[in-house]
């Protein structure tokens, strides 16, 4: 039976019919641009320096997302934005596939992926807004776990399924370029189907409409005021240092994990196949990430963010050492590689829980939604800039010294955590017990 408080009009659409597919569509493009494309370019002979620089630069779309989010609210309906962006993203996936046929494929494919990133960031804005408009408050609480699960599932499909299929096709005699053309054609077809499905199935909430013309000036003023109040918050400089540098070692490491896994032994890598990378990093790694996040969230709910943030930062920092260990072992067993990836991703998920909750903490108050969007944009900037230099540093230092560098930079993570910790309320994040204490 439909929930009478559902803020929709017309024929009722059960949330199970659209929430899972909507968030599956939201998660996949990000994973393809930031992770799967790294392996594709590596297979096609692009250098680590170019791969890291360009795939990090594309992340700029998510950095500046807060600047155009008001326009999604003002013009048209979020339902229309969602369907239009999915159609356009399908076109971008198809364009990548077609550009891979060219001899000079790098620049055209990067342009297509850059356009995809912009469309995906716009889709994120519309989808998250539509979630709040299309569901009652009770349904929003119930489906928050569902949306997270299907977002993660789409990530697995991209960083495990894409490399696995590509590796399978290469093993059967297909060229690397043709294997990736096939992968991107399949993803393009998937988004064509999802756009058609969402056009039919998404509800039409009464509140889903653009702002009246008379409100445009007011919306612009409020948008500017939200930025001003964010940077006027107490402790802004310490907060900015934390947002930018907490993930510094990870921002370097994440760009070089895939190249390290597939590079030949003489280049310092592990010489793994695409299929092995898809299994190890896309499945084992994601399981570790989810478990780390779940355990991190449980600890914070029991002890509070202030008590947990330093141990969680330490856990995330120490897990970076797993790839340093692998770089010193000749021909490590696949079981050991699986274990190291699991530990590294568990540590990342564990420490990332504290980071994201701090963003929620800092965004509290007036303009909480806008301030959270600004904070996530700053987070993306902290990932993008170091990531652009990661490949150049690795080529200059070699894998072993590069991984030593990430370990040394873990001191930055601990340092900014120690700076920000005193500003966090002692009970923030802790669930009140049954006695109300």
Foldseek 3Di string as FASTA:
>chain_A
DDDPQFQFDDDDFDCVLPLLLLLLLLQQLVLCLQPVVLLLVVLVPDFLLVSLQLSLVLLLLLLCLLVCLLVQQADWFLLVLQLVLLLLLLVLLLQLLVLLVDPPSVVSNSVSSSVNSNSSSSNVSSSVVVLPQRGDPVVSVVCVVSSVVSSLVSSLCNLQVLLQQLLVVVVVPDRSSNSNSVSSNVVSVVSVVSSVSSVPRPTHRPPGGHDPPVCPVVSVVVSVVLVVVLCVDPPNVLLLLLLQQLCQLVLLVSSCPSVQACPDVVLLHQNDGSNLSSCQCSPLLSVLLVQLQVVLLVVCQAFNLLVCQLVLLVQQLVLLCLQLVVSPDHNDDSVSSSVSSSSNNSSVSNNVNSVLLVLQVSLDDPPSVSSSSNSVSSNSVSSSPSSSCSSVVCVVQPSNVSSVVSSVSSVSSNVSSVVCSVVDDRCHSHHQDPVRD
